[in-house]
Full PDB file with SEQRES, HELIX, SHEET, SSBOND, CRYST1, ORIGX, SCALE, CONECT and MASTER records, all heavy atoms in Angstrom:
SEQRES   1 A   35  GLY MET THR LEU GLU GLU VAL ARG CYS TYR GLU ARG GLU          
SEQRES   2 A   35  THR GLN GLU ALA THR ASN GLU LEU ILE GLY LEU VAL ALA          
SEQRES   3 A   35  PRO ALA ILE ALA VAL SER GLU VAL GLY                          
HELIX    1 AA1 LEU A    4  ILE A   22  1                                  19    
CRYST1    1.000    1.000    1.000  90.00  90.00  90.00 P 1           1          
ORIGX1      1.000000  0.000000  0.000000        0.00000                         
ORIGX2      0.000000  1.000000  0.000000        0.00000                         
ORIGX3      0.000000  0.000000  1.000000        0.00000                         
SCALE1      1.000000  0.000000  0.000000        0.00000                         
SCALE2      0.000000  1.000000  0.000000        0.00000                         
SCALE3      0.000000  0.000000  1.000000        0.00000                         
ATOM      1  N   GLY A   1    -208.759 -87.582   3.055  1.00  0.00           N  
ATOM      2  CA  GLY A   1    -208.387 -88.762   2.265  1.00  0.00           C  
ATOM      3  C   GLY A   1    -206.901 -88.747   1.863  1.00  0.00           C  
ATOM      4  O   GLY A   1    -206.405 -89.776   1.349  1.00  0.00           O  
ATOM      5  N   MET A   2    -206.216 -87.645   2.095  1.00  0.00           N  
ATOM      6  CA  MET A   2    -204.801 -87.602   1.789  1.00  0.00           C  
ATOM      7  C   MET A   2    -204.013 -88.354   2.828  1.00  0.00           C  
ATOM      8  O   MET A   2    -204.403 -88.315   4.070  1.00  0.00           O  
ATOM      9  CB  MET A   2    -204.279 -86.155   1.755  1.00  0.00           C  
ATOM     10  CG  MET A   2    -204.884 -85.301   0.613  1.00  0.00           C  
ATOM     11  SD  MET A   2    -204.255 -83.551   0.660  1.00  0.00           S  
ATOM     12  CE  MET A   2    -202.595 -83.797   0.112  1.00  0.00           C  
ATOM     13  N   THR A   3    -203.024 -89.105   2.415  1.00  0.00           N  
ATOM     14  CA  THR A   3    -202.125 -89.745   3.364  1.00  0.00           C  
ATOM     15  C   THR A   3    -201.103 -88.768   3.866  1.00  0.00           C  
ATOM     16  O   THR A   3    -201.001 -87.672   3.363  1.00  0.00           O  
ATOM     17  CB  THR A   3    -201.394 -90.958   2.705  1.00  0.00           C  
ATOM     18  OG1 THR A   3    -200.504 -90.400   1.755  1.00  0.00           O  
ATOM     19  CG2 THR A   3    -202.375 -91.896   2.106  1.00  0.00           C  
ATOM     20  N   LEU A   4    -200.436 -89.086   4.942  1.00  0.00           N  
ATOM     21  CA  LEU A   4    -199.409 -88.206   5.551  1.00  0.00           C  
ATOM     22  C   LEU A   4    -198.291 -87.966   4.534  1.00  0.00           C  
ATOM     23  O   LEU A   4    -197.780 -86.846   4.395  1.00  0.00           O  
ATOM     24  CB  LEU A   4    -198.850 -88.801   6.796  1.00  0.00           C  
ATOM     25  CG  LEU A   4    -197.913 -87.905   7.567  1.00  0.00           C  
ATOM     26  CD1 LEU A   4    -198.627 -86.568   7.990  1.00  0.00           C  
ATOM     27  CD2 LEU A   4    -197.434 -88.588   8.850  1.00  0.00           C  
ATOM     28  N   GLU A   5    -197.941 -89.012   3.709  1.00  0.00           N  
ATOM     29  CA  GLU A   5    -196.957 -88.845   2.716  1.00  0.00           C  
ATOM     30  C   GLU A   5    -197.392 -87.864   1.625  1.00  0.00           C  
ATOM     31  O   GLU A   5    -196.616 -87.068   1.094  1.00  0.00           O  
ATOM     32  CB  GLU A   5    -196.616 -90.202   2.052  1.00  0.00           C  
ATOM     33  CG  GLU A   5    -195.874 -91.166   2.977  1.00  0.00           C  
ATOM     34  CD  GLU A   5    -196.748 -91.758   4.083  1.00  0.00           C  
ATOM     35  OE1 GLU A   5    -198.016 -91.733   3.898  1.00  0.00           O  
ATOM     36  OE2 GLU A   5    -196.239 -92.234   5.095  1.00  0.00           O  
ATOM     37  N   GLU A   6    -198.693 -87.965   1.249  1.00  0.00           N  
ATOM     38  CA  GLU A   6    -199.203 -87.068   0.196  1.00  0.00           C  
ATOM     39  C   GLU A   6    -199.248 -85.617   0.683  1.00  0.00           C  
ATOM     40  O   GLU A   6    -198.882 -84.709  -0.080  1.00  0.00           O  
ATOM     41  CB  GLU A   6    -200.555 -87.537  -0.267  1.00  0.00           C  
ATOM     42  CG  GLU A   6    -200.555 -88.857  -1.020  1.00  0.00           C  
ATOM     43  CD  GLU A   6    -201.983 -89.373  -1.276  1.00  0.00           C  
ATOM     44  OE1 GLU A   6    -202.873 -89.054  -0.510  1.00  0.00           O  
ATOM     45  OE2 GLU A   6    -202.168 -90.044  -2.323  1.00  0.00           O  
ATOM     46  N   VAL A   7    -199.620 -85.384   1.916  1.00  0.00           N  
ATOM     47  CA  VAL A   7    -199.712 -84.071   2.377  1.00  0.00           C  
ATOM     48  C   VAL A   7    -198.282 -83.457   2.601  1.00  0.00           C  
ATOM     49  O   VAL A   7    -198.089 -82.291   2.461  1.00  0.00           O  
ATOM     50  CB  VAL A   7    -200.554 -83.957   3.681  1.00  0.00           C  
ATOM     51  CG1 VAL A   7    -199.754 -84.406   4.919  1.00  0.00           C  
ATOM     52  CG2 VAL A   7    -201.079 -82.502   3.898  1.00  0.00           C  
ATOM     53  N   ARG A   8    -197.316 -84.338   2.949  1.00  0.00           N  
ATOM     54  CA  ARG A   8    -195.914 -83.821   3.096  1.00  0.00           C  
ATOM     55  C   ARG A   8    -195.429 -83.446   1.706  1.00  0.00           C  
ATOM     56  O   ARG A   8    -194.695 -82.455   1.513  1.00  0.00           O  
ATOM     57  CB  ARG A   8    -195.026 -84.931   3.656  1.00  0.00           C  
ATOM     58  CG  ARG A   8    -195.219 -85.171   5.173  1.00  0.00           C  
ATOM     59  CD  ARG A   8    -194.812 -83.959   5.928  1.00  0.00           C  
ATOM     60  NE  ARG A   8    -194.828 -84.174   7.401  1.00  0.00           N  
ATOM     61  CZ  ARG A   8    -194.761 -83.230   8.292  1.00  0.00           C  
ATOM     62  NH1 ARG A   8    -194.617 -81.967   7.916  1.00  0.00           N  
ATOM     63  NH2 ARG A   8    -194.829 -83.493   9.587  1.00  0.00           N  
ATOM     64  N   CYS A   9    -195.815 -84.190   0.639  1.00  0.00           N  
ATOM     65  CA  CYS A   9    -195.417 -83.816  -0.752  1.00  0.00           C  
ATOM     66  C   CYS A   9    -196.043 -82.531  -1.099  1.00  0.00           C  
ATOM     67  O   CYS A   9    -195.427 -81.630  -1.691  1.00  0.00           O  
ATOM     68  CB  CYS A   9    -195.854 -84.961  -1.694  1.00  0.00           C  
ATOM     69  SG  CYS A   9    -195.444 -84.669  -3.413  1.00  0.00           S  
ATOM     70  N   TYR A  10    -197.332 -82.375  -0.798  1.00  0.00           N  
ATOM     71  CA  TYR A  10    -198.091 -81.111  -1.087  1.00  0.00           C  
ATOM     72  C   TYR A  10    -197.394 -79.952  -0.327  1.00  0.00           C  
ATOM     73  O   TYR A  10    -197.158 -78.870  -0.883  1.00  0.00           O  
ATOM     74  CB  TYR A  10    -199.503 -81.196  -0.624  1.00  0.00           C  
ATOM     75  CG  TYR A  10    -200.254 -79.904  -0.643  1.00  0.00           C  
ATOM     76  CD1 TYR A  10    -200.815 -79.456  -1.826  1.00  0.00           C  
ATOM     77  CD2 TYR A  10    -200.382 -79.156   0.474  1.00  0.00           C  
ATOM     78  CE1 TYR A  10    -201.565 -78.248  -1.857  1.00  0.00           C  
ATOM     79  CE2 TYR A  10    -201.052 -77.944   0.472  1.00  0.00           C  
ATOM     80  CZ  TYR A  10    -201.668 -77.523  -0.699  1.00  0.00           C  
ATOM     81  OH  TYR A  10    -202.307 -76.333  -0.731  1.00  0.00           O  
ATOM     82  N   GLU A  11    -196.992 -80.215   0.894  1.00  0.00           N  
ATOM     83  CA  GLU A  11    -196.351 -79.197   1.705  1.00  0.00           C  
ATOM     84  C   GLU A  11    -195.070 -78.764   1.117  1.00  0.00           C  
ATOM     85  O   GLU A  11    -194.759 -77.517   0.996  1.00  0.00           O  
ATOM     86  CB  GLU A  11    -196.046 -79.826   3.149  1.00  0.00           C  
ATOM     87  CG  GLU A  11    -195.523 -78.862   4.153  1.00  0.00           C  
ATOM     88  CD  GLU A  11    -195.277 -79.540   5.452  1.00  0.00           C  
ATOM     89  OE1 GLU A  11    -194.666 -80.638   5.446  1.00  0.00           O  
ATOM     90  OE2 GLU A  11    -195.614 -79.023   6.498  1.00  0.00           O  
ATOM     91  N   ARG A  12    -194.210 -79.661   0.609  1.00  0.00           N  
ATOM     92  CA  ARG A  12    -192.934 -79.363   0.052  1.00  0.00           C  
ATOM     93  C   ARG A  12    -193.131 -78.490  -1.257  1.00  0.00           C  
ATOM     94  O   ARG A  12    -192.469 -77.487  -1.437  1.00  0.00           O  
ATOM     95  CB  ARG A  12    -192.136 -80.579  -0.294  1.00  0.00           C  
ATOM     96  CG  ARG A  12    -191.516 -81.286   0.915  1.00  0.00           C  
ATOM     97  CD  ARG A  12    -190.507 -82.382   0.514  1.00  0.00           C  
ATOM     98  NE  ARG A  12    -191.175 -83.385  -0.345  1.00  0.00           N  
ATOM     99  CZ  ARG A  12    -191.693 -84.514   0.129  1.00  0.00           C  
ATOM    100  NH1 ARG A  12    -191.784 -84.734   1.503  1.00  0.00           N  
ATOM    101  NH2 ARG A  12    -192.219 -85.395  -0.657  1.00  0.00           N  
ATOM    102  N   GLU A  13    -194.026 -78.922  -2.063  1.00  0.00           N  
ATOM    103  CA  GLU A  13    -194.200 -78.194  -3.387  1.00  0.00           C  
ATOM    104  C   GLU A  13    -194.851 -76.871  -3.136  1.00  0.00           C  
ATOM    105  O   GLU A  13    -194.538 -75.919  -3.862  1.00  0.00           O  
ATOM    106  CB  GLU A  13    -195.087 -79.104  -4.309  1.00  0.00           C  
ATOM    107  CG  GLU A  13    -194.453 -80.409  -4.684  1.00  0.00           C  
ATOM    108  CD  GLU A  13    -195.240 -81.183  -5.740  1.00  0.00           C  
ATOM    109  OE1 GLU A  13    -196.142 -80.578  -6.336  1.00  0.00           O  
ATOM    110  OE2 GLU A  13    -194.952 -82.365  -5.937  1.00  0.00           O  
ATOM    111  N   THR A  14    -195.760 -76.755  -2.157  1.00  0.00           N  
ATOM    112  CA  THR A  14    -196.380 -75.441  -1.912  1.00  0.00           C  
ATOM    113  C   THR A  14    -195.308 -74.511  -1.271  1.00  0.00           C  
ATOM    114  O   THR A  14    -195.302 -73.345  -1.588  1.00  0.00           O  
ATOM    115  CB  THR A  14    -197.526 -75.645  -0.931  1.00  0.00           C  
ATOM    116  OG1 THR A  14    -198.412 -76.584  -1.469  1.00  0.00           O  
ATOM    117  CG2 THR A  14    -198.274 -74.316  -0.761  1.00  0.00           C  
ATOM    118  N   GLN A  15    -194.417 -75.010  -0.462  1.00  0.00           N  
ATOM    119  CA  GLN A  15    -193.390 -74.212   0.161  1.00  0.00           C  
ATOM    120  C   GLN A  15    -192.443 -73.680  -0.938  1.00  0.00           C  
ATOM    121  O   GLN A  15    -192.035 -72.528  -0.883  1.00  0.00           O  
ATOM    122  CB  GLN A  15    -192.636 -75.001   1.168  1.00  0.00           C  
ATOM    123  CG  GLN A  15    -193.450 -75.231   2.417  1.00  0.00           C  
ATOM    124  CD  GLN A  15    -192.770 -76.330   3.362  1.00  0.00           C  
ATOM    125  OE1 GLN A  15    -191.760 -76.891   3.027  1.00  0.00           O  
ATOM    126  NE2 GLN A  15    -193.454 -76.614   4.470  1.00  0.00           N  
ATOM    127  N   GLU A  16    -192.131 -74.496  -1.913  1.00  0.00           N  
ATOM    128  CA  GLU A  16    -191.266 -74.063  -3.008  1.00  0.00           C  
ATOM    129  C   GLU A  16    -191.936 -72.955  -3.790  1.00  0.00           C  
ATOM    130  O   GLU A  16    -191.314 -71.951  -4.167  1.00  0.00           O  
ATOM    131  CB  GLU A  16    -190.915 -75.250  -3.894  1.00  0.00           C  
ATOM    132  CG  GLU A  16    -189.966 -76.270  -3.247  1.00  0.00           C  
ATOM    133  CD  GLU A  16    -189.786 -77.507  -4.179  1.00  0.00           C  
ATOM    134  OE1 GLU A  16    -190.370 -77.477  -5.278  1.00  0.00           O  
ATOM    135  OE2 GLU A  16    -189.058 -78.367  -3.730  1.00  0.00           O  
ATOM    136  N   ALA A  17    -193.229 -73.148  -4.055  1.00  0.00           N  
ATOM    137  CA  ALA A  17    -193.982 -72.097  -4.799  1.00  0.00           C  
ATOM    138  C   ALA A  17    -194.055 -70.840  -3.996  1.00  0.00           C  
ATOM    139  O   ALA A  17    -194.035 -69.713  -4.584  1.00  0.00           O  
ATOM    140  CB  ALA A  17    -195.390 -72.634  -5.134  1.00  0.00           C  
ATOM    141  N   THR A  18    -194.237 -70.984  -2.653  1.00  0.00           N  
ATOM    142  CA  THR A  18    -194.337 -69.805  -1.809  1.00  0.00           C  
ATOM    143  C   THR A  18    -193.014 -69.007  -1.814  1.00  0.00           C  
ATOM    144  O   THR A  18    -193.030 -67.773  -1.898  1.00  0.00           O  
ATOM    145  CB  THR A  18    -194.751 -70.164  -0.367  1.00  0.00           C  
ATOM    146  OG1 THR A  18    -195.995 -70.862  -0.461  1.00  0.00           O  
ATOM    147  CG2 THR A  18    -194.894 -68.888   0.458  1.00  0.00           C  
ATOM    148  N   ASN A  19    -191.925 -69.750  -1.605  1.00  0.00           N  
ATOM    149  CA  ASN A  19    -190.545 -69.098  -1.636  1.00  0.00           C  
ATOM    150  C   ASN A  19    -190.340 -68.318  -2.947  1.00  0.00           C  
ATOM    151  O   ASN A  19    -189.742 -67.218  -2.964  1.00  0.00           O  
ATOM    152  CB  ASN A  19    -189.477 -70.104  -1.323  1.00  0.00           C  
ATOM    153  CG  ASN A  19    -189.478 -70.616   0.053  1.00  0.00           C  
ATOM    154  OD1 ASN A  19    -190.185 -70.085   0.911  1.00  0.00           O  
ATOM    155  ND2 ASN A  19    -188.673 -71.596   0.387  1.00  0.00           N  
ATOM    156  N   GLU A  20    -190.769 -68.977  -4.068  1.00  0.00           N  
ATOM    157  CA  GLU A  20    -190.646 -68.354  -5.353  1.00  0.00           C  
ATOM    158  C   GLU A  20    -191.498 -67.114  -5.505  1.00  0.00           C  
ATOM    159  O   GLU A  20    -191.059 -66.058  -5.991  1.00  0.00           O  
ATOM    160  CB  GLU A  20    -190.988 -69.369  -6.429  1.00  0.00           C  
ATOM    161  CG  GLU A  20    -190.840 -68.779  -7.853  1.00  0.00           C  
ATOM    162  CD  GLU A  20    -191.248 -69.805  -8.925  1.00  0.00           C  
ATOM    163  OE1 GLU A  20    -191.537 -70.945  -8.548  1.00  0.00           O  
ATOM    164  OE2 GLU A  20    -191.284 -69.467 -10.122  1.00  0.00           O  
ATOM    165  N   LEU A  21    -192.675 -67.186  -4.972  1.00  0.00           N  
ATOM    166  CA  LEU A  21    -193.647 -66.042  -4.959  1.00  0.00           C  
ATOM    167  C   LEU A  21    -193.078 -64.851  -4.202  1.00  0.00           C  
ATOM    168  O   LEU A  21    -193.147 -63.724  -4.655  1.00  0.00           O  
ATOM    169  CB  LEU A  21    -194.975 -66.468  -4.377  1.00  0.00           C  
ATOM    170  CG  LEU A  21    -196.109 -65.435  -4.374  1.00  0.00           C  
ATOM    171  CD1 LEU A  21    -196.468 -65.054  -5.836  1.00  0.00           C  
ATOM    172  CD2 LEU A  21    -197.312 -65.973  -3.607  1.00  0.00           C  
ATOM    173  N   ILE A  22    -192.475 -65.116  -3.041  1.00  0.00           N  
ATOM    174  CA  ILE A  22    -191.953 -64.030  -2.262  1.00  0.00           C  
ATOM    175  C   ILE A  22    -190.781 -63.405  -2.929  1.00  0.00           C  
ATOM    176  O   ILE A  22    -190.469 -62.217  -2.772  1.00  0.00           O  
ATOM    177  CB  ILE A  22    -191.468 -64.560  -0.855  1.00  0.00           C  
ATOM    178  CG1 ILE A  22    -192.715 -65.158  -0.111  1.00  0.00           C  
ATOM    179  CG2 ILE A  22    -190.807 -63.483  -0.023  1.00  0.00           C  
ATOM    180  CD1 ILE A  22    -192.297 -65.857   1.200  1.00  0.00           C  
ATOM    181  N   GLY A  23    -190.066 -64.125  -3.807  1.00  0.00           N  
ATOM    182  CA  GLY A  23    -188.966 -63.595  -4.558  1.00  0.00           C  
ATOM    183  C   GLY A  23    -187.612 -64.128  -4.044  1.00  0.00           C  
ATOM    184  O   GLY A  23    -186.556 -63.543  -4.285  1.00  0.00           O  
ATOM    185  N   LEU A  24    -187.629 -65.247  -3.271  1.00  0.00           N  
ATOM    186  CA  LEU A  24    -186.376 -65.798  -2.716  1.00  0.00           C  
ATOM    187  C   LEU A  24    -185.694 -66.778  -3.671  1.00  0.00           C  
ATOM    188  O   LEU A  24    -184.568 -67.062  -3.511  1.00  0.00           O  
ATOM    189  CB  LEU A  24    -186.693 -66.545  -1.425  1.00  0.00           C  
ATOM    190  CG  LEU A  24    -187.298 -65.634  -0.350  1.00  0.00           C  
ATOM    191  CD1 LEU A  24    -187.805 -66.505   0.846  1.00  0.00           C  
ATOM    192  CD2 LEU A  24    -186.275 -64.631   0.171  1.00  0.00           C  
ATOM    193  N   VAL A  25    -186.449 -67.216  -4.692  1.00  0.00           N  
ATOM    194  CA  VAL A  25    -185.875 -68.163  -5.660  1.00  0.00           C  
ATOM    195  C   VAL A  25    -185.734 -67.397  -6.959  1.00  0.00           C  
ATOM    196  O   VAL A  25    -186.734 -67.225  -7.693  1.00  0.00           O  
ATOM    197  CB  VAL A  25    -186.744 -69.382  -5.866  1.00  0.00           C  
ATOM    198  CG1 VAL A  25    -186.163 -70.355  -6.879  1.00  0.00           C  
ATOM    199  CG2 VAL A  25    -187.010 -70.095  -4.508  1.00  0.00           C  
ATOM    200  N   ALA A  26    -184.543 -66.893  -7.207  1.00  0.00           N  
ATOM    201  CA  ALA A  26    -184.329 -66.147  -8.436  1.00  0.00           C  
ATOM    202  C   ALA A  26    -183.593 -66.921  -9.467  1.00  0.00           C  
ATOM    203  O   ALA A  26    -182.810 -67.842  -9.146  1.00  0.00           O  
ATOM    204  CB  ALA A  26    -183.497 -64.900  -8.058  1.00  0.00           C  
ATOM    205  N   PRO A  27    -183.883 -66.671 -10.739  1.00  0.00           N  
ATOM    206  CA  PRO A  27    -183.125 -67.377 -11.790  1.00  0.00           C  
ATOM    207  C   PRO A  27    -181.647 -67.057 -11.802  1.00  0.00           C  
ATOM    208  O   PRO A  27    -181.249 -65.912 -11.471  1.00  0.00           O  
ATOM    209  CB  PRO A  27    -183.802 -66.837 -13.098  1.00  0.00           C  
ATOM    210  CG  PRO A  27    -184.331 -65.546 -12.766  1.00  0.00           C  
ATOM    211  CD  PRO A  27    -184.765 -65.607 -11.328  1.00  0.00           C  
ATOM    212  N   ALA A  28    -180.802 -68.055 -12.173  1.00  0.00           N  
ATOM    213  CA  ALA A  28    -179.404 -67.780 -12.267  1.00  0.00           C  
ATOM    214  C   ALA A  28    -179.072 -66.908 -13.432  1.00  0.00           C  
ATOM    215  O   ALA A  28    -179.638 -66.995 -14.493  1.00  0.00           O  
ATOM    216  CB  ALA A  28    -178.634 -69.144 -12.388  1.00  0.00           C  
ATOM    217  N   ILE A  29    -178.114 -65.988 -13.228  1.00  0.00           N  
ATOM    218  CA  ILE A  29    -177.753 -65.033 -14.225  1.00  0.00           C  
ATOM    219  C   ILE A  29    -176.239 -65.249 -14.577  1.00  0.00           C  
ATOM    220  O   ILE A  29    -175.409 -65.179 -13.737  1.00  0.00           O  
ATOM    221  CB  ILE A  29    -177.889 -63.552 -13.738  1.00  0.00           C  
ATOM    222  CG1 ILE A  29    -179.352 -63.337 -13.365  1.00  0.00           C  
ATOM    223  CG2 ILE A  29    -177.430 -62.600 -14.850  1.00  0.00           C  
ATOM    224  CD1 ILE A  29    -179.591 -61.950 -12.742  1.00  0.00           C  
ATOM    225  N   ALA A  30    -175.958 -65.638 -15.829  1.00  0.00           N  
ATOM    226  CA  ALA A  30    -174.610 -65.883 -16.240  1.00  0.00           C  
ATOM    227  C   ALA A  30    -173.948 -64.555 -16.659  1.00  0.00           C  
ATOM    228  O   ALA A  30    -174.492 -63.792 -17.449  1.00  0.00           O  
ATOM    229  CB  ALA A  30    -174.591 -66.868 -17.386  1.00  0.00           C  
ATOM    230  N   VAL A  31    -172.782 -64.284 -16.082  1.00  0.00           N  
ATOM    231  CA  VAL A  31    -172.066 -63.033 -16.333  1.00  0.00           C  
ATOM    232  C   VAL A  31    -170.693 -63.413 -16.862  1.00  0.00           C  
ATOM    233  O   VAL A  31    -169.941 -64.107 -16.189  1.00  0.00           O  
ATOM    234  CB  VAL A  31    -171.921 -62.204 -15.069  1.00  0.00           C  
ATOM    235  CG1 VAL A  31    -171.135 -60.902 -15.429  1.00  0.00           C  
ATOM    236  CG2 VAL A  31    -173.308 -61.895 -14.525  1.00  0.00           C  
ATOM    237  N   SER A  32    -170.334 -63.038 -18.080  1.00  0.00           N  
ATOM    238  CA  SER A  32    -169.048 -63.405 -18.668  1.00  0.00           C  
ATOM    239  C   SER A  32    -168.228 -62.141 -18.904  1.00  0.00           C  
ATOM    240  O   SER A  32    -168.798 -61.108 -19.298  1.00  0.00           O  
ATOM    241  CB  SER A  32    -169.207 -64.216 -19.929  1.00  0.00           C  
ATOM    242  OG  SER A  32    -169.912 -63.469 -20.896  1.00  0.00           O  
ATOM    243  N   GLU A  33    -166.905 -62.224 -18.750  1.00  0.00           N  
ATOM    244  CA  GLU A  33    -166.016 -61.132 -18.970  1.00  0.00           C  
ATOM    245  C   GLU A  33    -164.856 -61.705 -19.875  1.00  0.00           C  
ATOM    246  O   GLU A  33    -164.577 -62.909 -19.864  1.00  0.00           O  
ATOM    247  CB  GLU A  33    -165.481 -60.567 -17.721  1.00  0.00           C  
ATOM    248  CG  GLU A  33    -166.562 -59.957 -16.858  1.00  0.00           C  
ATOM    249  CD  GLU A  33    -165.980 -59.350 -15.554  1.00  0.00           C  
ATOM    250  OE1 GLU A  33    -164.753 -59.387 -15.445  1.00  0.00           O  
ATOM    251  OE2 GLU A  33    -166.779 -58.912 -14.759  1.00  0.00           O  
ATOM    252  N   VAL A  34    -164.173 -60.803 -20.579  1.00  0.00           N  
ATOM    253  CA  VAL A  34    -163.158 -61.173 -21.401  1.00  0.00           C  
ATOM    254  C   VAL A  34    -162.011 -61.860 -20.636  1.00  0.00           C  
ATOM    255  O   VAL A  34    -161.551 -61.336 -19.634  1.00  0.00           O  
ATOM    256  CB  VAL A  34    -162.545 -60.006 -22.195  1.00  0.00           C  
ATOM    257  CG1 VAL A  34    -161.349 -60.443 -23.054  1.00  0.00           C  
ATOM    258  CG2 VAL A  34    -163.645 -59.380 -23.047  1.00  0.00           C  
ATOM    259  N   GLY A  35    -161.634 -63.071 -20.955  1.00  0.00           N  
ATOM    260  CA  GLY A  35    -160.501 -63.752 -20.294  1.00  0.00           C  
ATOM    261  C   GLY A  35    -160.898 -64.435 -19.059  1.00  0.00           C  
ATOM    262  O   GLY A  35    -160.077 -65.000 -18.385  1.00  0.00           O  
TER     263      GLY A  35                                                      
MASTER        0    0    0    1    0    0    0    6  262    1    0    3          
END                                                                             
């Protein structure tokens, strides 16, 4: 019952979750130094 557009959306969101699960999507770390 899913349309091709819906399954493509599911595909994109699942791929993002998978990449995050593997550890490829890491949070940004701000590093500051004097000056």
